[in-house]
């Protein structure tokens, strides 16, 4: 019996996609895992300035090969505020750690720098 590919699922706003995000996704890809990214469809605001289409384009620019060969799927999804699971669901949760300089990157700081406003 063929086993399905190993996949990691990342849910986020990606406002904007940045080096820290790219790093955690790259870790999974480099480990031989396929990746599914859920882009939450947030109403545009100062905190969420980019449309879903703009964020999908950011992923296309950052991961053209992986999107082209099916190792990365990007799925718009509704806003969620909770991820729930039952027992023996067949998957696990795992925190991905990175180098400290990547862990410190925040999209909030990036948006503030781009817009010239205070955080």
Foldseek 3Di string as FASTA:
>chain_A
DDDDFAEDEAEDQPLDPDPLNLVQQVVCVVVVHAYEYEHEQDPDDLVRPDGPVRRVVVCCVSCVPCVVVVSYHYHYDHDDDDDDDDPPPPDDDDDDDDPPVSVPDDSVVVSCVVVVHDD
